Protein backbone atom coordinates (compact mmCIF):
# COMPACT_ATOMS: atom_id res chain seq x y z
CA MET A 1 -3.81 -28.63 -15.75
CA ALA A 2 -6.77 -30.77 -14.26
CA THR A 3 -5.35 -34.07 -12.91
CA THR A 4 -8.47 -35.71 -13.72
CA SER A 5 -9.16 -37.66 -17.13
CA THR A 6 -10.91 -39.97 -19.49
CA PHE A 7 -14.25 -39.57 -18.35
CA ASP A 8 -14.61 -36.98 -15.77
CA ASN A 9 -17.33 -34.07 -16.39
CA VAL A 10 -18.73 -35.60 -19.56
CA GLN A 11 -22.44 -36.55 -20.27
CA PHE A 12 -22.07 -39.89 -21.54
CA PHE A 13 -26.02 -40.41 -22.49
CA ASP A 14 -29.37 -38.00 -22.46
CA SER A 15 -30.76 -38.52 -18.69
CA ASP A 16 -33.93 -39.72 -20.07
CA LEU A 17 -32.29 -42.86 -21.13
CA GLU A 18 -30.62 -43.00 -17.72
CA SER A 19 -30.22 -46.74 -16.69
CA ASN A 20 -31.17 -48.25 -13.41
CA TRP A 21 -27.44 -49.26 -12.87
CA SER A 22 -26.75 -45.25 -13.38
CA SER A 23 -29.10 -44.07 -10.95
CA ARG A 24 -28.44 -46.08 -8.53
CA ALA A 25 -25.07 -45.55 -9.02
CA LYS A 26 -25.52 -41.65 -8.29
CA GLU A 27 -27.44 -41.95 -5.14
CA ASN A 28 -23.99 -44.70 -3.51
CA LEU A 29 -21.15 -45.00 -5.08
CA TRP A 30 -17.87 -42.27 -4.90
CA MET A 31 -16.16 -43.35 -7.93
CA HIS A 32 -12.81 -42.57 -7.92
CA PHE A 33 -10.79 -39.55 -10.18
CA SER A 34 -14.67 -38.20 -11.01
CA ARG A 35 -16.17 -35.39 -10.90
CA MET A 36 -19.65 -36.86 -8.69
CA GLY A 37 -21.14 -33.13 -10.19
CA ALA A 38 -20.96 -33.52 -13.29
CA TYR A 39 -23.50 -36.01 -13.06
CA GLU A 40 -25.83 -34.74 -10.59
CA ASP A 41 -26.31 -32.11 -13.72
CA GLY A 42 -28.03 -34.95 -15.55
CA GLY A 43 -24.99 -37.02 -16.85
CA SER A 44 -25.49 -40.37 -16.77
CA ILE A 45 -22.54 -43.08 -15.59
CA PRO A 46 -21.73 -45.12 -18.47
CA ILE A 47 -22.27 -48.67 -16.80
CA ILE A 48 -20.10 -51.66 -18.56
CA THR A 49 -21.82 -55.28 -17.12
CA LYS A 50 -19.26 -57.42 -19.40
CA GLY A 51 -15.93 -58.33 -20.55
CA GLU A 52 -15.42 -60.88 -23.75
CA GLY A 53 -11.54 -60.84 -24.85
CA ALA A 54 -10.44 -57.54 -25.93
CA TYR A 55 -14.03 -55.75 -25.44
CA ILE A 56 -16.23 -54.46 -22.90
CA TYR A 57 -19.63 -53.70 -23.25
CA ASP A 58 -22.68 -51.31 -21.40
CA ASP A 59 -26.09 -51.52 -20.76
CA ARG A 60 -27.32 -51.61 -23.57
CA GLY A 61 -25.18 -53.84 -25.27
CA LYS A 62 -22.87 -51.58 -26.93
CA ARG A 63 -19.19 -53.39 -27.79
CA TYR A 64 -16.23 -50.58 -27.26
CA PHE A 65 -13.06 -51.71 -27.56
CA ASP A 66 -10.60 -51.91 -24.63
CA GLY A 67 -8.07 -49.69 -25.85
CA ILE A 68 -6.28 -49.28 -22.20
CA SER A 69 -6.53 -52.66 -20.74
CA SER A 70 -9.03 -51.68 -18.16
CA LEU A 71 -6.57 -48.96 -16.45
CA PHE A 72 -3.56 -50.71 -17.60
CA THR A 73 -4.54 -54.35 -16.17
CA VAL A 74 -5.99 -56.91 -18.31
CA GLN A 75 -2.93 -57.81 -19.39
CA LEU A 76 -4.85 -61.05 -21.05
CA GLY A 77 -7.67 -59.46 -21.55
CA HIS A 78 -11.47 -60.65 -20.22
CA GLY A 79 -13.30 -63.38 -19.76
CA ARG A 80 -10.41 -65.81 -18.95
CA GLN A 81 -11.80 -68.86 -17.55
CA GLU A 82 -8.46 -70.93 -16.45
CA LEU A 83 -8.13 -67.02 -14.33
CA ALA A 84 -11.45 -67.53 -12.66
CA GLN A 85 -10.80 -71.65 -11.78
CA ALA A 86 -7.72 -70.87 -10.09
CA TYR A 87 -9.60 -69.00 -8.23
CA MET A 88 -12.47 -71.10 -7.24
CA ASP A 89 -9.58 -74.28 -7.02
CA GLN A 90 -8.30 -72.31 -4.26
CA VAL A 91 -10.92 -71.06 -2.22
CA LYS A 92 -11.84 -73.95 -2.02
CA GLU A 93 -9.13 -75.55 -0.18
CA ILE A 94 -8.30 -72.29 1.75
CA ALA A 95 -9.94 -68.40 0.92
CA TYR A 96 -8.00 -67.01 3.38
CA PHE A 97 -5.17 -66.56 5.73
CA PRO A 98 -2.78 -63.52 6.19
CA ILE A 99 1.44 -63.99 6.22
CA TRP A 100 1.75 -62.28 8.97
CA SER A 101 4.66 -64.39 10.78
CA TYR A 102 2.72 -67.20 8.84
CA ALA A 103 3.15 -68.50 4.86
CA HIS A 104 0.28 -70.31 2.56
CA PRO A 105 1.84 -72.47 -0.21
CA ARG A 106 1.00 -70.06 -3.08
CA ALA A 107 2.68 -66.62 -1.74
CA ILE A 108 5.50 -69.15 -1.27
CA GLU A 109 4.97 -70.22 -4.93
CA LEU A 110 4.60 -66.81 -7.00
CA ALA A 111 7.78 -65.23 -4.97
CA GLU A 112 9.24 -68.73 -5.89
CA ARG A 113 8.38 -67.90 -9.14
CA LEU A 114 8.40 -63.84 -10.17
CA THR A 115 11.82 -63.74 -8.27
CA ALA A 116 12.95 -65.91 -11.16
CA LEU A 117 11.80 -63.67 -13.32
CA THR A 118 13.39 -60.73 -11.77
CA PRO A 119 16.81 -59.25 -12.71
CA GLY A 120 20.05 -59.93 -10.97
CA ASP A 121 19.81 -60.66 -7.07
CA LEU A 122 16.43 -59.19 -6.24
CA ASN A 123 14.75 -62.28 -4.66
CA HIS A 124 12.95 -61.27 -2.08
CA VAL A 125 8.93 -60.10 -1.87
CA PHE A 126 7.06 -58.52 0.21
CA PHE A 127 3.83 -58.67 -0.76
CA SER A 128 0.33 -55.77 -0.90
CA SER A 129 -2.69 -55.94 -2.17
CA SER A 130 -1.36 -52.52 -5.40
CA GLY A 131 1.29 -50.76 -6.53
CA GLY A 132 0.57 -48.39 -4.83
CA GLU A 133 1.35 -50.06 -1.67
CA ALA A 134 4.37 -51.03 -3.03
CA ILE A 135 5.74 -48.23 -3.66
CA GLU A 136 4.35 -47.12 -0.10
CA THR A 137 6.42 -50.12 1.46
CA ALA A 138 9.72 -49.88 -0.96
CA ALA A 139 9.98 -46.46 1.03
CA LYS A 140 9.43 -47.32 4.15
CA LEU A 141 12.59 -50.19 3.50
CA ILE A 142 14.43 -47.71 2.41
CA LYS A 143 14.04 -45.31 6.05
CA GLN A 144 14.05 -47.96 8.02
CA TYR A 145 17.08 -49.91 6.10
CA PHE A 146 18.96 -46.96 6.14
CA LYS A 147 18.32 -46.41 10.18
CA LEU A 148 19.14 -49.93 10.74
CA THR A 149 23.00 -49.58 8.64
CA GLY A 150 24.35 -46.31 10.80
CA LYS A 151 23.47 -44.09 7.97
CA PRO A 152 19.66 -42.73 9.71
CA MET A 153 20.03 -39.25 7.39
CA LYS A 154 19.33 -40.91 4.58
CA HIS A 155 15.37 -40.37 3.41
CA LYS A 156 15.21 -37.84 0.75
CA ILE A 157 13.53 -39.06 -2.47
CA ILE A 158 14.15 -38.41 -6.01
CA SER A 159 11.09 -38.45 -8.76
CA ARG A 160 10.42 -37.27 -12.24
CA HIS A 161 8.50 -34.76 -13.20
CA VAL A 162 4.72 -35.38 -13.59
CA ALA A 163 5.70 -39.36 -12.65
CA TYR A 164 2.19 -40.70 -10.86
CA HIS A 165 3.52 -43.23 -8.27
CA GLY A 166 0.39 -43.64 -6.11
CA THR A 167 -2.12 -41.92 -4.36
CA THR A 168 -1.42 -42.91 -0.56
CA GLN A 169 0.38 -40.11 1.36
CA GLY A 170 3.52 -41.48 0.82
CA ALA A 171 3.24 -42.97 -2.62
CA LEU A 172 1.39 -39.19 -3.16
CA SER A 173 4.29 -37.43 -1.97
CA ILE A 174 7.17 -39.06 -4.68
CA THR A 175 3.78 -38.16 -7.18
CA GLY A 176 4.96 -35.51 -9.55
CA ILE A 177 2.31 -34.09 -10.18
CA PRO A 178 1.44 -30.95 -8.10
CA ALA A 179 -1.95 -30.24 -9.14
CA ALA A 180 -2.53 -34.34 -7.87
CA LYS A 181 -1.31 -33.20 -4.64
CA GLN A 182 -2.06 -29.75 -3.70
CA PHE A 183 -5.70 -30.91 -1.64
CA PHE A 184 -3.51 -33.69 0.70
CA GLU A 185 -0.65 -31.49 1.27
CA PRO A 186 1.59 -30.82 3.82
CA LEU A 187 2.72 -34.66 2.43
CA ILE A 188 5.67 -36.23 3.99
CA ALA A 189 8.80 -34.31 3.69
CA GLY A 190 11.67 -34.45 1.49
CA HIS A 191 11.05 -35.31 -1.35
CA HIS A 192 12.48 -33.84 -4.78
CA LYS A 193 11.84 -34.10 -8.71
CA VAL A 194 13.95 -33.62 -11.51
CA PRO A 195 13.40 -33.78 -15.34
CA ASN A 196 11.75 -37.16 -16.58
CA THR A 197 12.80 -38.39 -20.49
CA ASN A 198 9.50 -36.42 -22.49
CA PHE A 199 12.49 -35.59 -25.23
CA TYR A 200 9.31 -34.02 -27.64
CA ARG A 201 9.24 -31.81 -24.92
CA ALA A 202 13.21 -31.34 -24.55
CA PRO A 203 14.68 -27.77 -23.38
CA LEU A 204 15.89 -26.68 -27.25
CA ASN A 205 19.24 -27.34 -26.70
CA HIS A 206 18.65 -31.16 -26.24
CA ARG A 207 16.29 -31.25 -28.79
CA ASP A 208 19.24 -32.61 -31.45
CA SER A 209 19.61 -36.41 -30.22
CA PHE A 210 17.33 -38.39 -27.93
CA GLU A 211 20.87 -40.46 -26.26
CA GLU A 212 22.54 -37.40 -24.97
CA PHE A 213 18.65 -35.49 -23.95
CA GLY A 214 19.21 -38.84 -22.02
CA GLN A 215 22.13 -38.34 -20.37
CA TRP A 216 21.02 -33.86 -19.72
CA ALA A 217 17.99 -35.77 -17.78
CA ALA A 218 19.80 -38.47 -15.99
CA ASN A 219 22.46 -35.83 -14.86
CA ARG A 220 20.15 -33.94 -13.58
CA ILE A 221 18.98 -36.36 -10.73
CA GLU A 222 22.77 -36.45 -9.57
CA GLU A 223 22.32 -32.37 -9.49
CA ALA A 224 19.61 -32.34 -7.10
CA ILE A 225 21.54 -35.60 -5.34
CA ILE A 226 24.55 -33.11 -4.91
CA PHE A 227 22.36 -30.16 -3.63
CA GLU A 228 20.86 -31.92 -1.55
CA GLY A 229 23.42 -33.66 -0.19
CA PRO A 230 24.69 -37.39 -0.48
CA GLU A 231 24.42 -38.57 2.75
CA THR A 232 20.28 -37.32 3.19
CA VAL A 233 18.95 -38.56 -0.43
CA ALA A 234 18.24 -42.15 0.51
CA ALA A 235 15.99 -43.26 -3.20
CA VAL A 236 15.79 -42.49 -6.95
CA PHE A 237 12.23 -44.03 -7.61
CA ILE A 238 11.35 -44.07 -11.61
CA GLU A 239 9.47 -45.49 -14.28
CA PRO A 240 11.04 -47.07 -17.06
CA VAL A 241 8.84 -45.66 -19.63
CA GLN A 242 6.86 -43.10 -17.53
CA ASN A 243 3.11 -43.60 -17.46
CA SER A 244 1.95 -40.36 -16.95
CA GLY A 245 2.39 -37.34 -19.21
CA GLY A 246 2.06 -40.04 -22.33
CA CYS A 247 4.27 -42.96 -22.35
CA PHE A 248 7.98 -41.58 -22.25
CA PRO A 249 10.07 -44.21 -23.06
CA PRO A 250 14.37 -44.27 -21.27
CA PRO A 251 16.81 -42.72 -23.75
CA PRO A 252 19.17 -45.20 -24.99
CA GLY A 253 21.82 -45.43 -21.97
CA TYR A 254 19.71 -43.33 -19.14
CA LEU A 255 18.54 -45.59 -17.12
CA GLN A 256 22.48 -46.88 -17.35
CA ARG A 257 23.36 -43.81 -16.07
CA VAL A 258 21.05 -43.50 -13.50
CA ARG A 259 22.69 -46.85 -12.01
CA GLU A 260 25.72 -45.58 -11.92
CA ILE A 261 24.74 -41.98 -10.81
CA CYS A 262 23.14 -44.27 -7.12
CA ASP A 263 25.86 -46.48 -7.08
CA GLN A 264 28.24 -43.30 -6.28
CA TYR A 265 26.19 -42.07 -3.89
CA ASP A 266 25.10 -44.83 -2.16
CA VAL A 267 21.15 -44.17 -3.02
CA ILE A 268 18.85 -47.25 -3.61
CA MET A 269 17.68 -46.82 -7.07
CA VAL A 270 13.51 -48.80 -7.00
CA CYS A 271 11.91 -49.05 -10.58
CA ASP A 272 8.03 -48.66 -10.53
CA GLU A 273 7.07 -51.53 -12.66
CA THR A 274 3.05 -51.35 -11.82
CA ILE A 275 2.34 -50.48 -14.94
CA ASN A 276 5.72 -52.30 -17.36
CA ALA A 277 5.43 -55.35 -15.75
CA PHE A 278 4.49 -58.20 -17.03
CA GLY A 279 3.93 -58.39 -20.56
CA ARG A 280 3.82 -54.01 -21.26
CA ILE A 281 6.82 -53.70 -22.39
CA GLY A 282 7.50 -57.03 -24.19
CA GLU A 283 9.20 -58.30 -20.66
CA TYR A 284 7.85 -60.09 -17.40
CA PHE A 285 9.90 -56.76 -16.06
CA ALA A 286 10.87 -53.80 -18.27
CA SER A 287 14.07 -53.14 -16.17
CA THR A 288 14.87 -56.62 -18.24
CA ARG A 289 14.23 -55.39 -21.47
CA TYR A 290 16.39 -52.02 -20.32
CA ASP A 291 19.07 -54.42 -19.15
CA ILE A 292 19.12 -52.60 -15.70
CA VAL A 293 19.03 -54.43 -12.03
CA PRO A 294 17.56 -51.74 -9.77
CA ASP A 295 17.40 -52.47 -6.81
CA ILE A 296 13.63 -52.68 -5.80
CA ILE A 297 11.29 -53.55 -8.33
CA THR A 298 7.56 -52.17 -7.48
CA CYS A 299 4.69 -53.78 -9.34
CA GLY A 300 0.55 -54.77 -9.12
CA LYS A 301 -2.18 -54.73 -11.48
CA GLY A 302 -1.32 -56.79 -15.04
CA MET A 303 0.54 -59.43 -12.58
CA THR A 304 -2.94 -61.50 -12.22
CA SER A 305 -4.70 -59.40 -15.19
CA GLY A 306 -6.50 -57.70 -12.83
CA TYR A 307 -8.31 -60.86 -12.22
CA PHE A 308 -7.87 -60.06 -8.38
CA PRO A 309 -6.06 -57.03 -6.49
CA MET A 310 -2.19 -57.93 -6.15
CA GLY A 311 1.23 -55.99 -5.74
CA ALA A 312 4.40 -56.47 -4.40
CA MET A 313 7.87 -55.05 -3.55
CA ILE A 314 10.56 -57.06 -5.02
CA ALA A 315 13.73 -55.88 -2.92
CA ASN A 316 17.77 -57.47 -3.08
CA GLU A 317 19.92 -59.55 -1.07
CA ARG A 318 21.36 -55.93 0.09
CA LEU A 319 17.78 -54.18 1.55
CA TYR A 320 17.49 -58.16 2.77
CA GLU A 321 20.33 -58.19 4.76
CA PRO A 322 19.88 -56.00 7.41
CA PHE A 323 16.36 -58.48 8.31
CA ARG A 324 18.01 -62.20 7.41
CA LYS A 325 18.78 -62.56 11.09
CA GLY A 326 18.49 -61.22 14.70
CA THR A 327 15.27 -58.78 16.54
CA ASN A 328 15.11 -56.73 13.86
CA SER A 329 11.83 -56.37 11.63
CA PHE A 330 10.22 -53.92 8.79
CA LEU A 331 7.13 -53.43 11.05
CA HIS A 332 4.54 -53.03 8.19
CA GLY A 333 2.35 -55.09 5.97
CA PHE A 334 -1.25 -55.47 4.66
CA THR A 335 -4.09 -57.54 5.37
CA PHE A 336 -4.94 -58.80 2.07
CA GLY A 337 -1.22 -59.53 1.00
CA GLY A 338 -0.11 -62.44 -0.22
CA HIS A 339 -3.90 -63.77 -0.58
CA PRO A 340 -4.08 -66.55 -1.34
CA ALA A 341 -6.75 -66.69 -4.07
CA GLY A 342 -4.72 -63.93 -5.42
CA ALA A 343 -1.61 -65.42 -5.46
CA ALA A 344 -2.99 -68.79 -7.11
CA VAL A 345 -4.63 -66.66 -10.06
CA ALA A 346 -0.61 -64.77 -10.17
CA LEU A 347 0.10 -68.51 -10.56
CA ALA A 348 -1.94 -69.25 -13.02
CA ASN A 349 -1.78 -65.84 -15.11
CA LEU A 350 2.35 -66.92 -15.82
CA ASP A 351 1.63 -70.30 -17.18
CA LEU A 352 -1.30 -68.30 -19.51
CA PHE A 353 2.05 -66.39 -20.55
CA GLU A 354 4.38 -68.91 -21.08
CA LYS A 355 1.83 -70.49 -22.56
CA GLU A 356 0.55 -68.04 -25.00
CA LYS A 357 3.51 -66.89 -25.54
CA ILE A 358 2.71 -63.15 -24.78
CA ASN A 359 6.09 -61.23 -24.45
CA ASP A 360 6.87 -63.19 -28.03
CA ASN A 361 3.87 -61.65 -29.10
CA VAL A 362 4.04 -57.93 -27.91
CA ARG A 363 7.97 -57.80 -29.09
CA LYS A 364 6.71 -59.12 -32.26
CA ASN A 365 3.46 -56.89 -32.98
CA GLU A 366 5.12 -53.03 -31.37
CA GLY A 367 6.21 -52.18 -34.18
CA ASN A 368 3.04 -52.95 -36.16
CA PHE A 369 1.19 -51.51 -33.42
CA LEU A 370 3.41 -48.46 -33.93
CA ALA A 371 3.64 -47.60 -37.11
CA THR A 372 -0.91 -48.15 -37.51
CA LEU A 373 -0.55 -45.57 -34.94
CA GLU A 374 1.71 -42.97 -36.74
CA LYS A 375 -0.21 -42.85 -39.81
CA LEU A 376 -1.55 -40.42 -37.53
CA TYR A 377 1.27 -38.34 -38.00
CA ASP A 378 -1.37 -36.51 -41.47
CA LEU A 379 -3.74 -34.67 -38.63
CA PRO A 380 -2.37 -31.26 -37.57
CA ILE A 381 -3.86 -32.73 -34.03
CA VAL A 382 -1.18 -34.49 -33.58
CA GLY A 383 2.16 -33.88 -32.65
CA ASP A 384 4.17 -37.32 -31.11
CA ILE A 385 2.77 -40.48 -31.18
CA ARG A 386 6.12 -42.74 -28.44
CA GLY A 387 5.45 -45.23 -25.98
CA ALA A 388 7.29 -48.84 -26.19
CA GLY A 389 5.62 -52.90 -26.01
CA TYR A 390 1.79 -52.16 -26.14
CA PHE A 391 2.10 -49.09 -24.18
CA TYR A 392 2.26 -45.83 -26.54
CA GLY A 393 1.15 -41.92 -26.59
CA ILE A 394 0.20 -39.47 -28.59
CA GLU A 395 0.62 -35.86 -28.03
CA MET A 396 -2.09 -33.55 -29.57
CA VAL A 397 -1.11 -29.87 -30.46
CA LYS A 398 -2.59 -26.30 -31.96
CA ASP A 399 0.37 -26.63 -34.19
CA THR A 400 2.67 -29.64 -35.12
CA ALA A 401 5.91 -26.99 -36.19
CA THR A 402 5.32 -24.98 -33.45
CA ARG A 403 4.82 -27.55 -30.81
CA GLU A 404 2.52 -24.83 -29.46
CA THR A 405 0.47 -26.95 -26.34
CA PHE A 406 -3.40 -25.82 -25.56
CA SER A 407 -4.12 -23.55 -22.84
CA SER A 408 -5.77 -25.29 -19.92
CA GLU A 409 -9.15 -23.61 -20.98
CA GLU A 410 -8.28 -24.94 -24.33
CA SER A 411 -7.68 -29.02 -22.88
CA GLU A 412 -10.70 -28.82 -20.92
CA LYS A 413 -12.70 -27.68 -24.35
CA LEU A 414 -11.40 -30.64 -26.06
CA LEU A 415 -10.43 -34.31 -23.45
CA ARG A 416 -13.61 -33.45 -21.71
CA GLY A 417 -16.05 -31.15 -23.46
CA PHE A 418 -15.50 -33.46 -26.83
CA LEU A 419 -12.63 -36.31 -27.25
CA SER A 420 -13.60 -38.75 -23.82
CA LYS A 421 -16.99 -38.81 -24.90
CA ALA A 422 -16.89 -38.95 -28.51
CA LEU A 423 -13.85 -41.57 -28.02
CA PHE A 424 -16.52 -43.69 -26.25
CA ASP A 425 -19.33 -43.15 -28.39
CA ASN A 426 -17.31 -44.36 -31.08
CA GLY A 427 -16.83 -47.69 -29.45
CA LEU A 428 -12.86 -47.50 -27.95
CA TYR A 429 -12.18 -47.03 -24.39
CA CYS A 430 -9.38 -45.12 -23.83
CA ARG A 431 -7.43 -42.30 -21.13
CA ALA A 432 -7.38 -38.73 -22.78
CA ASP A 433 -5.78 -37.26 -19.89
CA ASP A 434 -3.99 -33.77 -19.03
CA ARG A 435 -2.29 -34.27 -15.97
CA GLY A 436 1.12 -33.08 -18.08
CA ASP A 437 0.53 -32.08 -22.74
CA PRO A 438 -2.54 -33.17 -24.04
CA VAL A 439 -2.52 -37.17 -25.29
CA ILE A 440 -4.23 -39.70 -25.60
CA GLN A 441 -2.73 -43.09 -24.14
CA LEU A 442 -3.27 -46.63 -25.40
CA ALA A 443 -2.14 -49.97 -24.07
CA PRO A 444 -4.43 -52.76 -25.76
CA PRO A 445 -4.83 -56.17 -24.30
CA LEU A 446 -1.66 -57.99 -24.89
CA PHE A 447 -2.89 -60.32 -27.48
CA CYS A 448 -3.89 -58.04 -29.27
CA ASP A 449 -2.57 -58.33 -33.49
CA GLN A 450 -3.41 -56.38 -36.71
CA SER A 451 -6.97 -56.14 -37.05
CA HIS A 452 -7.09 -55.14 -33.19
CA PHE A 453 -4.60 -52.05 -34.57
CA ASP A 454 -6.45 -50.94 -37.26
CA GLU A 455 -9.34 -50.82 -35.11
CA ILE A 456 -7.93 -48.41 -32.93
CA GLU A 457 -6.82 -46.50 -35.21
CA SER A 458 -9.60 -45.97 -37.85
CA ILE A 459 -11.61 -44.80 -34.28
CA LEU A 460 -8.82 -42.02 -33.40
CA ARG A 461 -8.41 -40.62 -37.09
CA THR A 462 -12.90 -40.61 -36.69
CA VAL A 463 -12.57 -38.42 -33.59
CA LEU A 464 -9.07 -36.21 -33.70
CA THR A 465 -10.43 -35.51 -37.22
CA GLU A 466 -13.48 -34.13 -36.13
CA ALA A 467 -11.72 -32.57 -33.04
CA ALA A 468 -9.20 -30.46 -35.34
CA SER A 469 -11.98 -28.90 -37.24
CA ILE A 470 -13.33 -27.95 -33.60
CA ILE A 471 -10.64 -27.06 -31.86
CA LEU A 472 -8.00 -25.34 -34.43
């Protein structure tokens, strides 16, 4: 399957109507995860110029519903003056200073605030500029920790099929999407993959019980540890609700079983909450919702609602202990990690979460959101709808009875040949993705209500009805 998604290789506007912004972008702007050649062939690059609440606007003034919170990030919506003001107030005081052997008040305050929200004894915050950098940080810390504590053979990392953990060499090694890695190999050795929690695609003999399937999937982690040798396995990286592949929630007891396995074999459990944290699943951290205490949480994106690049690795007391005294140093860092303006924005973001009861809103309305999406089950192309909180995926199939999926060529035609453009043209910005089986992912801003859910469902119904007539 292809690894690109959403707008890749899609011609959005007629070239004769192309804006000046689009033509300028073609000259110098290299966009991420994009087939740039598509635009050389006459396609026009969509130009987004404004955001307000749950909506974005293009350079022609057309409005679109931001159905994926601008890549799972803008939790509180666009145009929040409180967050802009927090940034302005901080840069007037001090615009930037690194936290390399020095500290500043905003980083201290944010670290205190975050550790007050984490489960268990995750009390030590190492700031980065993104979730991917936080993953890189966690992997390096774990390797150094085991070397410092007399277990230098423990270096291997286990993660799940189709899971996405970032694009740096270390994070990409942990990522479970083969096509995303093929051009950058050889990557870092010692990374192994196990089944994810996609119950819709569970082996036939494990489809009767969601809970039993979860135990089966978790036990594959133990199997991999034993096969590789417990003395060599350092960590398991896992998203509570896996993003890539289309929003796989954890079966009941699954994460608890993973925790038991990690404890049994002295393996560090890392919850990657780059997307899951800060309200997306209805809690500040999804680990809390699923009653699990990992050894490390990595996060980013929604920490500032996207108003400043921020990420963090939050580690427990055990992992911090070798660095508490003596001459040991974690020789790792990022120039902009713990940026004072970013920390100020993150603090203001958390203030708004409390003031507006954002987590309460997600928990109160997630059932309504799911029920509204489930109306789409009457369409012959909709196979499965899954997720949690304000984070859902719709898997599309050729046959709902047999769950037959699309070939690579059919998926290309469906997603990039039709769906991405049609959804956008009809006023919905979301993700159409085939890093696993073809899915549409939805993650609206966290203040959204039934009126927004109805708007999403209406657009999806129009577009998926037409898609079914074209592809089936």
